[in-house]
Amino acid sequence: MKNKKVREVKTPSIRFGIPKLTAKLPTLWSFNIPLGGGIYLGGGKLIIGSLSVVALGFLASMFMLISSGEQQITFPMLGAQYTAPSMVGNNIVDREFPADRSQTLQINIPAGTRLDKIMLKNINLGKDGLATAFQITGTSTTDVLTIDTITIQNSEFPSMDFANGDIFTINATSSVVSAGHTFSPTMSSSTNDVIIGSGRGATSYIAEDMTVDRIIIRQSTTGGDVIIDELILDGVKAWIGTFDMDYFEVGSLNLKNLRVGDDGDIDSADLVINSSVNVNTIYDGVQEEPIYIR
């Protein structure tokens, strides 16, 4: 008669240690990665605690790094200036209101830069104390903004002024209404009809549905013209400040459904094209009414 095996019952022992995980890559090398402390129950093992602590620490450090860093400014975020063709901007401080957070949108365009399109749509402009709500300018009569087509439509400005430039064709339709206007450009058959070729690879700046103190588009360096295929203002409205454009060469300026006026007086011109602008052809259909934009 066989003796019955006596079973021995043992209480699980608990011990602490640092296990090792060995990872082996075929034909290359092997290495050991020490893991954090684990708990051993009898012959089995359960790894807890250390890995969780490491993971939580990693996530916390990532969160702190992200939160402590500054948000990158990208077009069309306000209070910034962008140097074409980059879409990343830098903070600016308005000289008139250095204590206030700037709400200006500014595009600086170095000489020789080509842009396909600048389109500004459904934008409200204006801040009490600003003389200019919209400014677009080259640097001089020899370094200009060369633009194939400018279209200004469905927009409102207290006043508009064009000076120091060339426009091949001005087309101001009968949907343009102004509290007085003066078109006194210098007629010149030598004015160029600007045609911009392919915009392939060129940058476009498009902003819409915004409230802005003012917009500035300016040539920022000398030594050559800036080339822009198309500039579109659609639904851009200012309650204070003028629209001012200087030092440019334009193929076609189209004005449609535009209202201009700051005093309701048709005997003082609020929409002005100065004699310093050379023009080949002009169609003046502007209607005069006592408009007072407030």
Protein backbone atom coordinates (compact mmCIF):
# COMPACT_ATOMS: atom_id res chain seq x y z
CA MET A 1 0.00 0.00 0.00
CA LYS A 2 1.35 3.25 -1.14
CA ASN A 3 1.83 6.01 1.27
CA LYS A 4 -0.36 9.00 0.70
CA LYS A 5 1.49 12.15 -0.27
CA VAL A 6 1.23 14.70 2.42
CA ARG A 7 0.43 18.11 0.95
CA GLU A 8 2.16 21.02 2.47
CA VAL A 9 0.42 24.38 2.58
CA LYS A 10 2.60 27.42 2.59
CA THR A 11 1.66 31.00 3.21
CA PRO A 12 2.71 33.23 0.28
CA SER A 13 5.74 35.24 1.06
CA ILE A 14 6.01 38.84 0.00
CA ARG A 15 9.30 40.28 -1.14
CA PHE A 16 10.32 43.35 -3.03
CA GLY A 17 12.79 43.48 -5.85
CA ILE A 18 13.72 45.05 -9.16
CA PRO A 19 12.92 42.76 -12.07
CA LYS A 20 14.71 43.03 -15.37
CA LEU A 21 13.14 42.89 -18.79
CA THR A 22 15.45 41.53 -21.43
CA ALA A 23 14.76 42.45 -25.05
CA LYS A 24 16.73 40.70 -27.75
CA LEU A 25 16.99 41.86 -31.33
CA PRO A 26 17.92 39.16 -33.81
CA THR A 27 21.49 39.20 -35.10
CA LEU A 28 22.15 42.63 -33.62
CA TRP A 29 22.48 42.98 -29.87
CA SER A 30 20.67 42.48 -26.61
CA PHE A 31 20.20 44.88 -23.81
CA ASN A 32 18.63 45.03 -20.38
CA ILE A 33 16.07 47.58 -19.30
CA PRO A 34 15.62 47.86 -15.53
CA LEU A 35 12.03 48.47 -14.50
CA GLY A 36 10.76 50.03 -11.34
CA GLY A 37 10.00 48.09 -8.17
CA GLY A 38 7.55 45.21 -8.34
CA ILE A 39 5.75 43.03 -5.85
CA TYR A 40 6.27 39.26 -5.85
CA LEU A 41 3.58 37.00 -4.47
CA GLY A 42 4.93 33.47 -4.08
CA GLY A 43 6.14 32.17 -7.43
CA GLY A 44 4.18 34.80 -9.42
CA LYS A 45 4.95 38.47 -9.89
CA LEU A 46 2.85 41.57 -10.29
CA ILE A 47 4.46 44.80 -11.47
CA ILE A 48 2.68 47.88 -10.20
CA GLY A 49 3.44 51.30 -8.94
CA SER A 50 6.75 52.16 -10.53
CA LEU A 51 5.64 52.01 -14.16
CA SER A 52 2.55 54.08 -13.34
CA VAL A 53 4.65 56.66 -11.54
CA VAL A 54 7.04 56.90 -14.50
CA ALA A 55 4.17 57.28 -16.98
CA LEU A 56 2.40 59.90 -14.90
CA GLY A 57 5.62 61.83 -14.46
CA PHE A 58 6.24 61.79 -18.20
CA LEU A 59 2.74 63.08 -18.98
CA ALA A 60 2.98 65.77 -16.31
CA SER A 61 6.29 67.04 -17.65
CA MET A 62 4.88 67.13 -21.19
CA PHE A 63 1.86 69.13 -20.01
CA MET A 64 4.05 71.62 -18.15
CA LEU A 65 6.28 72.05 -21.20
CA ILE A 66 3.33 72.73 -23.50
CA SER A 67 1.59 75.07 -21.06
CA SER A 68 4.71 77.09 -20.36
CA GLY A 69 5.49 77.67 -24.05
CA GLU A 70 4.05 80.58 -26.06
CA GLN A 71 1.40 79.91 -28.68
CA GLN A 72 2.68 80.28 -32.22
CA ILE A 73 1.13 83.24 -34.04
CA THR A 74 -0.24 82.25 -37.43
CA PHE A 75 -2.11 84.29 -40.03
CA PRO A 76 -4.66 85.83 -39.62
CA MET A 77 -4.27 86.15 -35.82
CA LEU A 78 -4.47 89.81 -34.76
CA GLY A 79 -2.00 92.04 -32.99
CA ALA A 80 0.73 90.69 -35.25
CA GLN A 81 2.79 91.43 -38.32
CA TYR A 82 3.59 88.83 -40.95
CA THR A 83 6.54 89.05 -43.31
CA ALA A 84 5.58 87.51 -46.65
CA PRO A 85 5.63 84.75 -47.69
CA SER A 86 5.63 83.42 -44.11
CA MET A 87 2.35 82.64 -42.32
CA VAL A 88 4.02 82.89 -38.89
CA GLY A 89 3.87 86.33 -37.29
CA ASN A 90 5.32 88.41 -34.48
CA ASN A 91 3.52 90.45 -31.84
CA ILE A 92 3.32 94.18 -32.44
CA VAL A 93 2.55 97.16 -30.24
CA ASP A 94 0.60 100.05 -31.76
CA ARG A 95 2.42 103.33 -31.20
CA GLU A 96 -0.82 105.20 -30.65
CA PHE A 97 -2.00 102.80 -27.95
CA PRO A 98 1.06 101.10 -26.40
CA ALA A 99 -0.88 100.15 -23.26
CA ASP A 100 -3.62 98.34 -25.20
CA ARG A 101 -3.46 94.92 -26.76
CA SER A 102 -3.08 95.49 -30.50
CA GLN A 103 -5.81 94.34 -32.86
CA THR A 104 -3.94 95.38 -36.00
CA LEU A 105 -3.45 92.96 -38.90
CA GLN A 106 -0.25 93.81 -40.77
CA ILE A 107 1.43 92.18 -43.77
CA ASN A 108 5.00 93.25 -44.56
CA ILE A 109 6.13 92.33 -48.07
CA PRO A 110 9.85 92.46 -48.91
CA ALA A 111 10.93 93.72 -52.34
CA GLY A 112 10.86 91.04 -55.05
CA THR A 113 8.20 88.92 -53.31
CA ARG A 114 5.41 87.36 -55.43
CA LEU A 115 1.95 86.81 -53.92
CA ASP A 116 -0.93 85.12 -55.69
CA LYS A 117 -3.83 86.68 -53.77
CA ILE A 118 -4.67 88.85 -50.80
CA MET A 119 -8.36 88.51 -49.97
CA LEU A 120 -10.05 90.26 -47.03
CA LYS A 121 -13.73 89.42 -46.62
CA ASN A 122 -16.41 90.44 -44.10
CA ILE A 123 -14.08 92.47 -41.87
CA ASN A 124 -15.08 95.31 -39.53
CA LEU A 125 -12.46 98.02 -39.03
CA GLY A 126 -11.97 100.98 -36.78
CA LYS A 127 -10.83 102.25 -33.42
CA ASP A 128 -11.37 105.70 -31.96
CA GLY A 129 -8.19 107.72 -32.36
CA LEU A 130 -6.86 105.99 -35.51
CA ALA A 131 -6.51 108.26 -38.56
CA THR A 132 -6.12 105.39 -41.02
CA ALA A 133 -8.26 102.25 -41.01
CA PHE A 134 -6.76 100.62 -44.12
CA GLN A 135 -3.32 101.38 -45.52
CA ILE A 136 -1.62 99.86 -48.56
CA THR A 137 1.68 101.28 -49.71
CA GLY A 138 4.95 100.73 -51.51
CA THR A 139 8.11 102.51 -50.40
CA SER A 140 8.59 105.10 -53.17
CA THR A 141 7.89 105.85 -56.82
CA THR A 142 10.67 103.43 -57.77
CA ASP A 143 9.73 100.60 -55.35
CA VAL A 144 6.03 99.97 -55.77
CA LEU A 145 3.30 97.41 -55.18
CA THR A 146 2.63 95.98 -58.64
CA ILE A 147 -0.90 94.54 -58.70
CA ASP A 148 -2.73 92.99 -61.63
CA THR A 149 -6.29 93.54 -60.34
CA ILE A 150 -7.78 95.34 -57.33
CA THR A 151 -11.46 94.77 -56.56
CA ILE A 152 -13.18 96.72 -53.78
CA GLN A 153 -16.82 95.76 -53.36
CA ASN A 154 -19.64 95.63 -50.81
CA SER A 155 -17.53 97.87 -48.59
CA GLU A 156 -17.77 101.15 -46.65
CA PHE A 157 -15.18 103.76 -45.70
CA PRO A 158 -15.50 107.28 -44.28
CA SER A 159 -13.00 108.44 -46.92
CA MET A 160 -10.69 107.00 -49.59
CA ASP A 161 -7.51 108.48 -51.07
CA PHE A 162 -5.31 107.22 -53.93
CA ALA A 163 -1.97 108.93 -54.64
CA ASN A 164 1.48 108.41 -56.20
CA GLY A 165 0.83 105.58 -58.60
CA ASP A 166 -0.18 104.27 -62.02
CA ILE A 167 -3.49 102.62 -62.94
CA PHE A 168 -4.18 101.38 -66.46
CA THR A 169 -7.99 101.19 -66.07
CA ILE A 170 -10.30 102.59 -63.38
CA ASN A 171 -13.81 101.20 -63.45
CA ALA A 172 -16.05 102.92 -60.87
CA THR A 173 -19.56 101.59 -61.48
CA SER A 174 -22.84 103.38 -60.77
CA SER A 175 -23.19 101.27 -57.59
CA VAL A 176 -20.47 103.44 -56.03
CA VAL A 177 -22.03 106.18 -53.88
CA SER A 178 -19.99 108.92 -52.21
CA ALA A 179 -20.55 112.13 -50.26
CA GLY A 180 -18.58 114.04 -52.88
CA HIS A 181 -15.81 112.67 -55.07
CA THR A 182 -12.92 114.01 -57.10
CA PHE A 183 -11.27 112.01 -59.86
CA SER A 184 -8.44 114.18 -61.15
CA PRO A 185 -5.77 111.70 -62.30
CA THR A 186 -3.21 112.55 -64.93
CA MET A 187 -4.27 110.90 -68.19
CA SER A 188 -1.31 109.11 -69.72
CA SER A 189 -1.17 106.73 -72.69
CA SER A 190 2.19 105.42 -71.46
CA THR A 191 0.66 103.82 -68.36
CA ASN A 192 1.27 100.08 -68.38
CA ASP A 193 -1.50 97.48 -68.43
CA VAL A 194 -0.13 95.26 -65.66
CA ILE A 195 -0.55 91.55 -66.31
CA ILE A 196 0.78 89.13 -63.69
CA GLY A 197 1.64 85.65 -64.97
CA SER A 198 1.14 82.33 -63.23
CA GLY A 199 0.78 82.40 -59.46
CA ARG A 200 1.94 78.80 -59.13
CA GLY A 201 3.91 78.39 -55.92
CA ALA A 202 3.09 81.91 -54.71
CA THR A 203 1.59 82.52 -51.26
CA SER A 204 -1.97 83.75 -50.67
CA TYR A 205 -3.20 85.65 -47.61
CA ILE A 206 -6.92 85.15 -46.94
CA ALA A 207 -8.76 86.50 -43.90
CA GLU A 208 -12.50 86.71 -43.29
CA ASP A 209 -15.19 87.24 -40.65
CA MET A 210 -13.08 89.36 -38.30
CA THR A 211 -13.15 92.55 -36.22
CA VAL A 212 -9.91 94.52 -36.54
CA ASP A 213 -8.54 97.91 -35.46
CA ARG A 214 -6.88 98.44 -38.83
CA ILE A 215 -5.19 96.64 -41.70
CA ILE A 216 -1.75 97.52 -43.06
CA ILE A 217 -0.26 96.04 -46.24
CA ARG A 218 3.15 97.52 -46.92
CA GLN A 219 6.33 96.95 -48.87
CA SER A 220 8.94 96.51 -46.17
CA THR A 221 12.24 96.73 -48.08
CA THR A 222 13.64 98.58 -51.10
CA GLY A 223 15.43 97.25 -54.16
CA GLY A 224 12.56 96.04 -56.36
CA ASP A 225 8.81 95.86 -56.77
CA VAL A 226 6.37 93.62 -54.94
CA ILE A 227 4.24 91.48 -57.29
CA ILE A 228 0.61 90.69 -56.37
CA ASP A 229 -1.78 89.02 -58.80
CA GLU A 230 -5.04 89.96 -57.07
CA LEU A 231 -6.16 92.12 -54.14
CA ILE A 232 -9.80 91.70 -53.10
CA LEU A 233 -11.70 93.66 -50.44
CA ASP A 234 -15.20 92.25 -50.10
CA GLY A 235 -17.41 93.43 -47.25
CA VAL A 236 -14.64 95.45 -45.57
CA LYS A 237 -16.28 98.21 -43.51
CA ALA A 238 -14.76 100.99 -41.40
CA TRP A 239 -16.67 103.39 -39.16
CA ILE A 240 -13.66 105.65 -38.57
CA GLY A 241 -10.39 106.31 -40.40
CA THR A 242 -9.53 106.61 -44.05
CA PHE A 243 -8.56 104.12 -46.76
CA ASP A 244 -5.14 105.26 -47.99
CA MET A 245 -3.17 103.84 -50.95
CA ASP A 246 0.24 105.09 -52.15
CA TYR A 247 3.11 104.00 -54.42
CA PHE A 248 1.54 101.37 -56.65
CA GLU A 249 1.21 100.19 -60.24
CA VAL A 250 -2.15 98.58 -61.00
CA GLY A 251 -3.59 96.98 -64.12
CA SER A 252 -7.26 97.33 -63.20
CA LEU A 253 -9.03 99.03 -60.28
CA ASN A 254 -12.66 97.92 -59.94
CA LEU A 255 -15.02 99.69 -57.53
CA LYS A 256 -18.48 98.11 -57.01
CA ASN A 257 -21.24 98.55 -54.44
CA LEU A 258 -19.05 100.90 -52.44
CA ARG A 259 -20.21 103.64 -50.05
CA VAL A 260 -17.91 106.49 -48.97
CA GLY A 261 -18.60 109.51 -46.76
CA ASP A 262 -17.67 111.08 -43.43
CA ASP A 263 -19.76 114.25 -43.24
CA GLY A 264 -22.86 114.05 -45.44
CA ASP A 265 -21.54 116.97 -47.52
CA ILE A 266 -21.39 116.36 -51.29
CA ASP A 267 -19.47 119.62 -51.76
CA SER A 268 -16.37 118.18 -50.07
CA ALA A 269 -14.81 115.15 -51.74
CA ASP A 270 -14.48 112.00 -49.65
CA LEU A 271 -13.48 109.69 -52.53
CA VAL A 272 -10.34 111.11 -54.13
CA ILE A 273 -7.99 109.99 -56.91
CA ASN A 274 -5.21 112.58 -56.96
CA SER A 275 -3.35 114.07 -59.91
CA SER A 276 -0.24 112.12 -58.82
CA VAL A 277 -1.97 109.01 -60.19
CA ASN A 278 -1.39 108.33 -63.90
CA VAL A 279 -4.31 106.66 -65.68
CA ASN A 280 -4.83 105.32 -69.19
CA THR A 281 -8.62 104.81 -69.11
CA ILE A 282 -11.27 105.82 -66.58
CA TYR A 283 -14.98 105.05 -66.26
CA ASP A 284 -16.56 107.31 -63.64
CA GLY A 285 -20.08 106.25 -62.72
CA VAL A 286 -19.95 107.42 -59.09
CA GLN A 287 -23.21 108.74 -57.64
CA GLU A 288 -23.10 111.53 -55.05
CA GLU A 289 -25.31 111.43 -51.97
CA PRO A 290 -25.01 112.97 -48.47
CA ILE A 291 -23.54 109.85 -46.86
CA TYR A 292 -22.32 110.05 -43.27
CA ILE A 293 -20.74 106.80 -42.03
CA ARG A 294 -20.57 106.60 -38.24
